[in-house]
All heavy atoms as atom14 arrays in JSON, in Angstrom:
{
  "sequence": "EFASKDGRTKLLNKYIESNEAGEPWMIPAEGFDVVTVKPLSLTDLAI",
  "atom14_mask": [
    [1, 1, 1, 1, 1, 1, 1, 1, 1, 0, 0, 0, 0, 0],
    [1, 1, 1, 1, 1, 1, 1, 1, 1, 1, 1, 0, 0, 0],
    [1, 1, 1, 1, 1, 0, 0, 0, 0, 0, 0, 0, 0, 0],
    [1, 1, 1, 1, 1, 1, 0, 0, 0, 0, 0, 0, 0, 0],
    [1, 1, 1, 1, 1, 1, 1, 1, 1, 0, 0, 0, 0, 0],
    [1, 1, 1, 1, 1, 1, 1, 1, 0, 0, 0, 0, 0, 0],
    [1, 1, 1, 1, 0, 0, 0, 0, 0, 0, 0, 0, 0, 0],
    [1, 1, 1, 1, 1, 1, 1, 1, 1, 1, 1, 0, 0, 0],
    [1, 1, 1, 1, 1, 1, 1, 0, 0, 0, 0, 0, 0, 0],
    [1, 1, 1, 1, 1, 1, 1, 1, 1, 0, 0, 0, 0, 0],
    [1, 1, 1, 1, 1, 1, 1, 1, 0, 0, 0, 0, 0, 0],
    [1, 1, 1, 1, 1, 1, 1, 1, 0, 0, 0, 0, 0, 0],
    [1, 1, 1, 1, 1, 1, 1, 1, 0, 0, 0, 0, 0, 0],
    [1, 1, 1, 1, 1, 1, 1, 1, 1, 0, 0, 0, 0, 0],
    [1, 1, 1, 1, 1, 1, 1, 1, 1, 1, 1, 1, 0, 0],
    [1, 1, 1, 1, 1, 1, 1, 1, 0, 0, 0, 0, 0, 0],
    [1, 1, 1, 1, 1, 1, 1, 1, 1, 0, 0, 0, 0, 0],
    [1, 1, 1, 1, 1, 1, 0, 0, 0, 0, 0, 0, 0, 0],
    [1, 1, 1, 1, 1, 1, 1, 1, 0, 0, 0, 0, 0, 0],
    [1, 1, 1, 1, 1, 1, 1, 1, 1, 0, 0, 0, 0, 0],
    [1, 1, 1, 1, 1, 0, 0, 0, 0, 0, 0, 0, 0, 0],
    [1, 1, 1, 1, 0, 0, 0, 0, 0, 0, 0, 0, 0, 0],
    [1, 1, 1, 1, 1, 1, 1, 1, 1, 0, 0, 0, 0, 0],
    [1, 1, 1, 1, 1, 1, 1, 0, 0, 0, 0, 0, 0, 0],
    [1, 1, 1, 1, 1, 1, 1, 1, 1, 1, 1, 1, 1, 1],
    [1, 1, 1, 1, 1, 1, 1, 1, 0, 0, 0, 0, 0, 0],
    [1, 1, 1, 1, 1, 1, 1, 1, 0, 0, 0, 0, 0, 0],
    [1, 1, 1, 1, 1, 1, 1, 0, 0, 0, 0, 0, 0, 0],
    [1, 1, 1, 1, 1, 0, 0, 0, 0, 0, 0, 0, 0, 0],
    [1, 1, 1, 1, 1, 1, 1, 1, 1, 0, 0, 0, 0, 0],
    [1, 1, 1, 1, 0, 0, 0, 0, 0, 0, 0, 0, 0, 0],
    [1, 1, 1, 1, 1, 1, 1, 1, 1, 1, 1, 0, 0, 0],
    [1, 1, 1, 1, 1, 1, 1, 1, 0, 0, 0, 0, 0, 0],
    [1, 1, 1, 1, 1, 1, 1, 0, 0, 0, 0, 0, 0, 0],
    [1, 1, 1, 1, 1, 1, 1, 0, 0, 0, 0, 0, 0, 0],
    [1, 1, 1, 1, 1, 1, 1, 0, 0, 0, 0, 0, 0, 0],
    [1, 1, 1, 1, 1, 1, 1, 0, 0, 0, 0, 0, 0, 0],
    [1, 1, 1, 1, 1, 1, 1, 1, 1, 0, 0, 0, 0, 0],
    [1, 1, 1, 1, 1, 1, 1, 0, 0, 0, 0, 0, 0, 0],
    [1, 1, 1, 1, 1, 1, 1, 1, 0, 0, 0, 0, 0, 0],
    [1, 1, 1, 1, 1, 1, 0, 0, 0, 0, 0, 0, 0, 0],
    [1, 1, 1, 1, 1, 1, 1, 1, 0, 0, 0, 0, 0, 0],
    [1, 1, 1, 1, 1, 1, 1, 0, 0, 0, 0, 0, 0, 0],
    [1, 1, 1, 1, 1, 1, 1, 1, 0, 0, 0, 0, 0, 0],
    [1, 1, 1, 1, 1, 1, 1, 1, 0, 0, 0, 0, 0, 0],
    [1, 1, 1, 1, 1, 0, 0, 0, 0, 0, 0, 0, 0, 0],
    [1, 1, 1, 1, 1, 1, 1, 1, 0, 0, 0, 0, 0, 0]
  ],
  "atom14_positions": [
    [[4.47, 9.91, -13.17], [5.3, 9.02, -12.3], [4.56, 7.73, -11.93], [5.16, 6.68, -11.85], [5.81, 9.77, -11.09], [6.86, 8.93, -10.27], [7.35, 9.77, -9.06], [6.86, 10.82, -8.82], [8.28, 9.25, -8.45], [0.0, 0.0, 0.0], [0.0, 0.0, 0.0], [0.0, 0.0, 0.0], [0.0, 0.0, 0.0], [0.0, 0.0, 0.0]],
    [[3.23, 7.84, -11.75], [2.5, 6.65, -11.3], [1.99, 5.86, -12.43], [1.39, 4.77, -12.25], [1.32, 7.17, -10.46], [0.83, 6.25, -9.45], [1.62, 5.68, -8.4], [-0.47, 5.73, -9.53], [1.15, 4.83, -7.5], [-0.92, 4.8, -8.69], [-0.17, 4.32, -7.61], [0.0, 0.0, 0.0], [0.0, 0.0, 0.0], [0.0, 0.0, 0.0]],
    [[2.22, 6.25, -13.66], [1.67, 5.57, -14.8], [2.37, 4.27, -15.16], [1.79, 3.34, -15.72], [1.67, 6.45, -16.06], [0.0, 0.0, 0.0], [0.0, 0.0, 0.0], [0.0, 0.0, 0.0], [0.0, 0.0, 0.0], [0.0, 0.0, 0.0], [0.0, 0.0, 0.0], [0.0, 0.0, 0.0], [0.0, 0.0, 0.0], [0.0, 0.0, 0.0]],
    [[3.7, 4.18, -14.79], [4.48, 3.03, -15.16], [4.66, 2.18, -13.93], [4.57, 2.64, -12.77], [5.78, 3.43, -15.71], [6.58, 4.09, -14.7], [0.0, 0.0, 0.0], [0.0, 0.0, 0.0], [0.0, 0.0, 0.0], [0.0, 0.0, 0.0], [0.0, 0.0, 0.0], [0.0, 0.0, 0.0], [0.0, 0.0, 0.0], [0.0, 0.0, 0.0]],
    [[4.94, 0.85, -14.2], [5.17, -0.02, -13.03], [6.41, 0.31, -12.3], [6.4, 0.35, -11.05], [5.29, -1.47, -13.58], [5.49, -2.47, -12.46], [5.66, -3.92, -13.07], [5.84, -4.92, -12.0], [5.92, -6.33, -12.52], [0.0, 0.0, 0.0], [0.0, 0.0, 0.0], [0.0, 0.0, 0.0], [0.0, 0.0, 0.0], [0.0, 0.0, 0.0]],
    [[7.48, 0.78, -12.97], [8.63, 1.2, -12.31], [8.41, 2.48, -11.44], [9.01, 2.56, -10.28], [9.79, 1.49, -13.41], [10.3, 0.31, -14.02], [10.07, -0.85, -13.49], [10.82, 0.45, -15.21], [0.0, 0.0, 0.0], [0.0, 0.0, 0.0], [0.0, 0.0, 0.0], [0.0, 0.0, 0.0], [0.0, 0.0, 0.0], [0.0, 0.0, 0.0]],
    [[7.53, 3.34, -11.93], [7.25, 4.52, -11.12], [6.44, 4.17, -9.89], [6.81, 4.73, -8.81], [0.0, 0.0, 0.0], [0.0, 0.0, 0.0], [0.0, 0.0, 0.0], [0.0, 0.0, 0.0], [0.0, 0.0, 0.0], [0.0, 0.0, 0.0], [0.0, 0.0, 0.0], [0.0, 0.0, 0.0], [0.0, 0.0, 0.0], [0.0, 0.0, 0.0]],
    [[5.57, 3.27, -9.96], [4.77, 2.81, -8.78], [5.66, 2.21, -7.8], [5.57, 2.4, -6.56], [3.64, 1.95, -9.21], [2.54, 2.59, -10.02], [1.28, 1.8, -10.13], [1.54, 0.66, -10.92], [1.4, 0.51, -12.22], [1.13, 1.59, -12.92], [1.64, -0.61, -12.84], [0.0, 0.0, 0.0], [0.0, 0.0, 0.0], [0.0, 0.0, 0.0]],
    [[6.58, 1.24, -8.3], [7.51, 0.57, -7.39], [8.36, 1.5, -6.69], [8.68, 1.4, -5.48], [8.33, -0.44, -8.21], [7.42, -1.34, -8.82], [9.35, -1.17, -7.28], [0.0, 0.0, 0.0], [0.0, 0.0, 0.0], [0.0, 0.0, 0.0], [0.0, 0.0, 0.0], [0.0, 0.0, 0.0], [0.0, 0.0, 0.0], [0.0, 0.0, 0.0]],
    [[8.83, 2.56, -7.39], [9.7, 3.63, -6.84], [9.02, 4.35, -5.64], [9.61, 4.56, -4.61], [10.2, 4.61, -7.88], [11.13, 5.62, -7.43], [11.63, 6.55, -8.57], [12.51, 7.66, -8.02], [12.91, 8.55, -9.13], [0.0, 0.0, 0.0], [0.0, 0.0, 0.0], [0.0, 0.0, 0.0], [0.0, 0.0, 0.0], [0.0, 0.0, 0.0]],
    [[7.72, 4.72, -5.95], [6.98, 5.39, -4.86], [6.77, 4.52, -3.61], [6.91, 4.92, -2.47], [5.56, 5.82, -5.37], [5.68, 7.1, -6.41], [4.27, 7.3, -6.92], [6.2, 8.25, -5.59], [0.0, 0.0, 0.0], [0.0, 0.0, 0.0], [0.0, 0.0, 0.0], [0.0, 0.0, 0.0], [0.0, 0.0, 0.0], [0.0, 0.0, 0.0]],
    [[6.46, 3.23, -3.89], [6.24, 2.37, -2.75], [7.49, 2.18, -1.98], [7.49, 2.06, -0.75], [5.74, 0.96, -3.24], [4.33, 0.97, -3.78], [4.05, -0.45, -4.4], [3.3, 1.19, -2.73], [0.0, 0.0, 0.0], [0.0, 0.0, 0.0], [0.0, 0.0, 0.0], [0.0, 0.0, 0.0], [0.0, 0.0, 0.0], [0.0, 0.0, 0.0]],
    [[8.61, 1.97, -2.65], [9.89, 1.78, -1.94], [10.21, 3.07, -1.13], [10.97, 2.98, -0.08], [11.01, 1.5, -2.97], [10.85, 0.09, -3.63], [10.22, -0.81, -2.98], [11.35, -0.12, -4.81], [0.0, 0.0, 0.0], [0.0, 0.0, 0.0], [0.0, 0.0, 0.0], [0.0, 0.0, 0.0], [0.0, 0.0, 0.0], [0.0, 0.0, 0.0]],
    [[9.94, 4.19, -1.75], [10.31, 5.45, -1.11], [9.54, 5.77, 0.2], [10.01, 6.27, 1.21], [10.13, 6.6, -2.16], [10.58, 7.93, -1.54], [10.47, 9.06, -2.62], [10.9, 10.4, -2.18], [10.74, 11.46, -3.17], [0.0, 0.0, 0.0], [0.0, 0.0, 0.0], [0.0, 0.0, 0.0], [0.0, 0.0, 0.0], [0.0, 0.0, 0.0]],
    [[8.16, 5.53, 0.14], [7.29, 5.95, 1.2], [6.82, 4.86, 2.09], [6.42, 5.03, 3.21], [6.09, 6.77, 0.64], [6.57, 8.08, -0.02], [6.56, 8.27, -1.37], [7.02, 9.12, 0.78], [6.89, 9.41, -1.98], [7.44, 10.32, 0.24], [7.34, 10.44, -1.18], [7.72, 11.67, -1.8], [0.0, 0.0, 0.0], [0.0, 0.0, 0.0]],
    [[6.55, 3.67, 1.55], [5.68, 2.7, 2.22], [6.47, 1.47, 2.6], [6.29, 0.9, 3.74], [4.52, 2.3, 1.31], [3.69, 3.55, 1.07], [3.7, 1.16, 1.9], [2.48, 3.23, 0.17], [0.0, 0.0, 0.0], [0.0, 0.0, 0.0], [0.0, 0.0, 0.0], [0.0, 0.0, 0.0], [0.0, 0.0, 0.0], [0.0, 0.0, 0.0]],
    [[7.46, 0.93, 1.75], [8.09, -0.3, 2.04], [8.81, -0.28, 3.39], [9.44, 0.7, 3.73], [8.98, -0.71, 0.93], [9.57, -2.1, 1.04], [10.47, -2.49, -0.07], [11.6, -1.94, -0.18], [10.08, -3.27, -0.93], [0.0, 0.0, 0.0], [0.0, 0.0, 0.0], [0.0, 0.0, 0.0], [0.0, 0.0, 0.0], [0.0, 0.0, 0.0]],
    [[8.73, -1.32, 4.19], [9.38, -1.42, 5.46], [9.86, -2.87, 5.66], [9.25, -3.79, 5.26], [8.43, -1.02, 6.59], [9.08, -1.21, 7.83], [0.0, 0.0, 0.0], [0.0, 0.0, 0.0], [0.0, 0.0, 0.0], [0.0, 0.0, 0.0], [0.0, 0.0, 0.0], [0.0, 0.0, 0.0], [0.0, 0.0, 0.0], [0.0, 0.0, 0.0]],
    [[11.01, -2.99, 6.22], [11.58, -4.32, 6.52], [11.26, -4.81, 7.85], [11.58, -5.94, 8.25], [13.06, -4.33, 6.28], [13.38, -4.16, 4.76], [12.7, -4.56, 3.93], [14.53, -3.42, 4.58], [0.0, 0.0, 0.0], [0.0, 0.0, 0.0], [0.0, 0.0, 0.0], [0.0, 0.0, 0.0], [0.0, 0.0, 0.0], [0.0, 0.0, 0.0]],
    [[10.79, -3.92, 8.71], [10.51, -4.28, 10.12], [9.01, -4.49, 10.3], [8.22, -3.61, 9.98], [11.06, -3.21, 11.12], [12.58, -2.94, 10.95], [13.36, -4.2, 11.49], [12.8, -4.95, 12.32], [14.49, -4.37, 11.03], [0.0, 0.0, 0.0], [0.0, 0.0, 0.0], [0.0, 0.0, 0.0], [0.0, 0.0, 0.0], [0.0, 0.0, 0.0]],
    [[8.6, -5.63, 11.0], [7.22, -5.83, 11.29], [6.73, -4.84, 12.25], [7.34, -4.58, 13.27], [7.05, -7.26, 11.84], [0.0, 0.0, 0.0], [0.0, 0.0, 0.0], [0.0, 0.0, 0.0], [0.0, 0.0, 0.0], [0.0, 0.0, 0.0], [0.0, 0.0, 0.0], [0.0, 0.0, 0.0], [0.0, 0.0, 0.0], [0.0, 0.0, 0.0]],
    [[5.61, -4.19, 11.98], [4.96, -3.28, 12.83], [5.53, -1.81, 12.72], [5.0, -0.89, 13.38], [0.0, 0.0, 0.0], [0.0, 0.0, 0.0], [0.0, 0.0, 0.0], [0.0, 0.0, 0.0], [0.0, 0.0, 0.0], [0.0, 0.0, 0.0], [0.0, 0.0, 0.0], [0.0, 0.0, 0.0], [0.0, 0.0, 0.0], [0.0, 0.0, 0.0]],
    [[6.51, -1.63, 11.89], [7.1, -0.3, 11.77], [6.11, 0.58, 11.02], [5.6, 0.24, 9.95], [8.41, -0.37, 10.98], [9.1, 0.98, 10.84], [10.38, 0.82, 10.09], [10.93, -0.29, 10.02], [10.86, 1.88, 9.55], [0.0, 0.0, 0.0], [0.0, 0.0, 0.0], [0.0, 0.0, 0.0], [0.0, 0.0, 0.0], [0.0, 0.0, 0.0]],
    [[5.82, 1.8, 11.48], [4.82, 2.67, 10.87], [5.34, 3.2, 9.51], [6.54, 3.36, 9.29], [4.68, 3.87, 11.86], [5.95, 3.82, 12.63], [6.41, 2.43, 12.7], [0.0, 0.0, 0.0], [0.0, 0.0, 0.0], [0.0, 0.0, 0.0], [0.0, 0.0, 0.0], [0.0, 0.0, 0.0], [0.0, 0.0, 0.0], [0.0, 0.0, 0.0]],
    [[4.39, 3.53, 8.67], [4.73, 4.12, 7.34], [4.84, 5.68, 7.52], [4.05, 6.31, 8.19], [3.66, 3.87, 6.3], [3.61, 2.42, 5.89], [4.44, 1.44, 6.21], [2.52, 1.83, 5.18], [4.03, 0.24, 5.71], [2.87, 0.44, 5.01], [1.34, 2.26, 4.53], [2.09, -0.42, 4.31], [0.6, 1.4, 3.9], [0.94, 0.07, 3.77]],
    [[5.78, 6.2, 6.82], [6.04, 7.68, 6.87], [5.68, 8.16, 5.44], [6.52, 7.91, 4.52], [7.49, 7.99, 7.27], [7.92, 7.4, 8.58], [6.96, 8.04, 10.0], [7.52, 9.7, 10.04], [0.0, 0.0, 0.0], [0.0, 0.0, 0.0], [0.0, 0.0, 0.0], [0.0, 0.0, 0.0], [0.0, 0.0, 0.0], [0.0, 0.0, 0.0]],
    [[4.56, 8.86, 5.25], [4.15, 9.33, 4.01], [3.75, 10.77, 4.09], [3.39, 11.25, 5.16], [2.96, 8.51, 3.43], [1.8, 8.62, 4.37], [3.36, 7.07, 3.21], [0.51, 7.86, 3.83], [0.0, 0.0, 0.0], [0.0, 0.0, 0.0], [0.0, 0.0, 0.0], [0.0, 0.0, 0.0], [0.0, 0.0, 0.0], [0.0, 0.0, 0.0]],
    [[3.82, 11.52, 3.03], [3.43, 12.93, 3.05], [1.93, 13.1, 3.34], [1.13, 12.34, 2.79], [3.68, 13.46, 1.64], [4.72, 12.46, 1.08], [4.48, 11.27, 1.71], [0.0, 0.0, 0.0], [0.0, 0.0, 0.0], [0.0, 0.0, 0.0], [0.0, 0.0, 0.0], [0.0, 0.0, 0.0], [0.0, 0.0, 0.0], [0.0, 0.0, 0.0]],
    [[1.55, 14.04, 4.18], [0.17, 14.18, 4.62], [-0.71, 14.5, 3.48], [-1.9, 14.11, 3.44], [0.09, 15.24, 5.76], [0.0, 0.0, 0.0], [0.0, 0.0, 0.0], [0.0, 0.0, 0.0], [0.0, 0.0, 0.0], [0.0, 0.0, 0.0], [0.0, 0.0, 0.0], [0.0, 0.0, 0.0], [0.0, 0.0, 0.0], [0.0, 0.0, 0.0]],
    [[-0.22, 15.39, 2.53], [-1.13, 15.83, 1.47], [-0.97, 14.98, 0.22], [-1.83, 15.04, -0.64], [-0.62, 17.24, 1.09], [-0.73, 18.29, 2.19], [-2.08, 18.49, 2.74], [-3.07, 18.3, 1.95], [-2.26, 18.73, 3.95], [0.0, 0.0, 0.0], [0.0, 0.0, 0.0], [0.0, 0.0, 0.0], [0.0, 0.0, 0.0], [0.0, 0.0, 0.0]],
    [[-0.1, 14.08, 0.12], [0.16, 13.37, -1.11], [-0.52, 12.02, -1.23], [-0.89, 11.57, -2.3], [0.0, 0.0, 0.0], [0.0, 0.0, 0.0], [0.0, 0.0, 0.0], [0.0, 0.0, 0.0], [0.0, 0.0, 0.0], [0.0, 0.0, 0.0], [0.0, 0.0, 0.0], [0.0, 0.0, 0.0], [0.0, 0.0, 0.0], [0.0, 0.0, 0.0]],
    [[-0.84, 11.42, -0.07], [-1.36, 10.02, -0.17], [-2.51, 9.88, 0.81], [-2.72, 10.6, 1.81], [-0.24, 9.03, 0.39], [0.84, 8.93, -0.49], [2.0, 9.77, -0.31], [0.96, 8.02, -1.51], [3.12, 9.68, -1.12], [2.02, 7.82, -2.33], [3.15, 8.71, -2.11], [0.0, 0.0, 0.0], [0.0, 0.0, 0.0], [0.0, 0.0, 0.0]],
    [[-3.44, 9.03, 0.36], [-4.55, 8.59, 1.26], [-4.67, 7.1, 1.24], [-4.93, 6.45, 0.18], [-5.94, 9.25, 0.62], [-7.1, 8.86, 1.57], [-6.85, 8.44, 2.66], [-8.27, 9.07, 1.08], [0.0, 0.0, 0.0], [0.0, 0.0, 0.0], [0.0, 0.0, 0.0], [0.0, 0.0, 0.0], [0.0, 0.0, 0.0], [0.0, 0.0, 0.0]],
    [[-4.36, 6.49, 2.4], [-4.28, 5.05, 2.54], [-5.69, 4.46, 2.99], [-6.17, 4.92, 4.08], [-3.2, 4.62, 3.42], [-3.17, 3.08, 3.52], [-1.83, 5.16, 2.95], [0.0, 0.0, 0.0], [0.0, 0.0, 0.0], [0.0, 0.0, 0.0], [0.0, 0.0, 0.0], [0.0, 0.0, 0.0], [0.0, 0.0, 0.0], [0.0, 0.0, 0.0]],
    [[-6.25, 3.61, 2.3], [-7.52, 3.01, 2.64], [-7.26, 1.5, 2.87], [-6.78, 0.83, 1.99], [-8.57, 3.2, 1.53], [-9.9, 2.54, 1.95], [-8.77, 4.68, 1.31], [0.0, 0.0, 0.0], [0.0, 0.0, 0.0], [0.0, 0.0, 0.0], [0.0, 0.0, 0.0], [0.0, 0.0, 0.0], [0.0, 0.0, 0.0], [0.0, 0.0, 0.0]],
    [[-7.65, 0.92, 4.02], [-7.54, -0.45, 4.26], [-8.62, -1.22, 3.63], [-9.82, -0.9, 3.7], [-7.58, -0.7, 5.86], [-6.51, 0.04, 6.42], [-7.38, -2.21, 6.14], [0.0, 0.0, 0.0], [0.0, 0.0, 0.0], [0.0, 0.0, 0.0], [0.0, 0.0, 0.0], [0.0, 0.0, 0.0], [0.0, 0.0, 0.0], [0.0, 0.0, 0.0]],
    [[-8.3, -2.33, 3.03], [-9.27, -3.17, 2.38], [-9.65, -4.35, 3.34], [-8.75, -5.03, 3.84], [-8.67, -3.8, 1.04], [-9.68, -4.76, 0.35], [-8.25, -2.66, 0.06], [0.0, 0.0, 0.0], [0.0, 0.0, 0.0], [0.0, 0.0, 0.0], [0.0, 0.0, 0.0], [0.0, 0.0, 0.0], [0.0, 0.0, 0.0], [0.0, 0.0, 0.0]],
    [[-10.96, -4.5, 3.54], [-11.39, -5.56, 4.42], [-11.09, -6.89, 3.75], [-11.44, -7.08, 2.62], [-12.94, -5.39, 4.62], [-13.53, -6.56, 5.45], [-15.02, -6.4, 5.59], [-15.59, -7.53, 6.43], [-17.04, -7.46, 6.45], [0.0, 0.0, 0.0], [0.0, 0.0, 0.0], [0.0, 0.0, 0.0], [0.0, 0.0, 0.0], [0.0, 0.0, 0.0]],
    [[-10.38, -7.78, 4.48], [-10.06, -9.07, 3.93], [-11.26, -9.9, 3.46], [-12.31, -9.93, 4.26], [-9.28, -9.75, 5.03], [-8.88, -8.66, 5.9], [-9.91, -7.58, 5.76], [0.0, 0.0, 0.0], [0.0, 0.0, 0.0], [0.0, 0.0, 0.0], [0.0, 0.0, 0.0], [0.0, 0.0, 0.0], [0.0, 0.0, 0.0], [0.0, 0.0, 0.0]],
    [[-11.23, -10.45, 2.34], [-12.35, -11.3, 1.88], [-12.15, -12.69, 2.42], [-11.1, -13.13, 2.71], [-12.37, -11.38, 0.3], [-12.78, -10.1, -0.36], [-12.6, -10.3, -1.85], [-14.16, -9.66, -0.08], [0.0, 0.0, 0.0], [0.0, 0.0, 0.0], [0.0, 0.0, 0.0], [0.0, 0.0, 0.0], [0.0, 0.0, 0.0], [0.0, 0.0, 0.0]],
    [[-13.28, -13.38, 2.57], [-13.28, -14.72, 3.1], [-13.79, -15.64, 2.0], [-14.44, -15.14, 0.98], [-13.97, -14.95, 4.34], [-15.39, -14.73, 4.18], [0.0, 0.0, 0.0], [0.0, 0.0, 0.0], [0.0, 0.0, 0.0], [0.0, 0.0, 0.0], [0.0, 0.0, 0.0], [0.0, 0.0, 0.0], [0.0, 0.0, 0.0], [0.0, 0.0, 0.0]],
    [[-13.65, -16.92, 2.05], [-14.24, -17.86, 1.12], [-15.74, -17.82, 1.15], [-16.4, -18.05, 0.19], [-13.74, -19.27, 1.44], [-12.32, -19.55, 1.13], [-11.95, -21.02, 1.56], [-11.92, -19.34, -0.31], [0.0, 0.0, 0.0], [0.0, 0.0, 0.0], [0.0, 0.0, 0.0], [0.0, 0.0, 0.0], [0.0, 0.0, 0.0], [0.0, 0.0, 0.0]],
    [[-16.27, -17.4, 2.29], [-17.75, -17.19, 2.41], [-18.18, -16.07, 1.55], [-19.25, -16.15, 0.89], [-18.1, -17.0, 3.94], [-17.69, -18.1, 4.73], [-19.62, -16.78, 4.02], [0.0, 0.0, 0.0], [0.0, 0.0, 0.0], [0.0, 0.0, 0.0], [0.0, 0.0, 0.0], [0.0, 0.0, 0.0], [0.0, 0.0, 0.0], [0.0, 0.0, 0.0]],
    [[-17.38, -14.94, 1.54], [-17.73, -13.8, 0.72], [-17.78, -14.17, -0.76], [-18.56, -13.7, -1.54], [-16.7, -12.62, 0.89], [-16.72, -12.11, 2.33], [-17.85, -12.05, 2.97], [-15.68, -11.74, 2.87], [0.0, 0.0, 0.0], [0.0, 0.0, 0.0], [0.0, 0.0, 0.0], [0.0, 0.0, 0.0], [0.0, 0.0, 0.0], [0.0, 0.0, 0.0]],
    [[-16.86, -15.1, -1.16], [-16.81, -15.54, -2.57], [-17.85, -16.56, -2.88], [-17.95, -17.07, -4.01], [-15.46, -16.03, -2.89], [-14.29, -14.99, -2.77], [-12.92, -15.72, -3.06], [-14.49, -13.84, -3.65], [0.0, 0.0, 0.0], [0.0, 0.0, 0.0], [0.0, 0.0, 0.0], [0.0, 0.0, 0.0], [0.0, 0.0, 0.0], [0.0, 0.0, 0.0]],
    [[-18.54, -17.1, -1.83], [-19.54, -18.15, -2.01], [-18.91, -19.44, -2.55], [-19.6, -20.29, -3.2], [-20.64, -17.74, -2.9], [0.0, 0.0, 0.0], [0.0, 0.0, 0.0], [0.0, 0.0, 0.0], [0.0, 0.0, 0.0], [0.0, 0.0, 0.0], [0.0, 0.0, 0.0], [0.0, 0.0, 0.0], [0.0, 0.0, 0.0], [0.0, 0.0, 0.0]],
    [[-17.59, -19.58, -2.3], [-16.93, -20.87, -2.81], [-17.38, -22.06, -2.02], [-17.71, -23.1, -2.62], [-15.4, -20.67, -2.67], [-14.9, -19.6, -3.59], [-14.74, -22.01, -2.94], [-15.07, -19.92, -5.03], [0.0, 0.0, 0.0], [0.0, 0.0, 0.0], [0.0, 0.0, 0.0], [0.0, 0.0, 0.0], [0.0, 0.0, 0.0], [0.0, 0.0, 0.0]]
  ]
}
């Protein structure tokens, strides 16, 4: 299901997508592991 773009979009729409700012995500406890990515800065890129 996750191999195709349509499949990934379907999963995101089903479990993660939200139209309200600040609304929590409701995902299965055993199925997903969400890791926050630290935002990069221009300093990190040495630009």
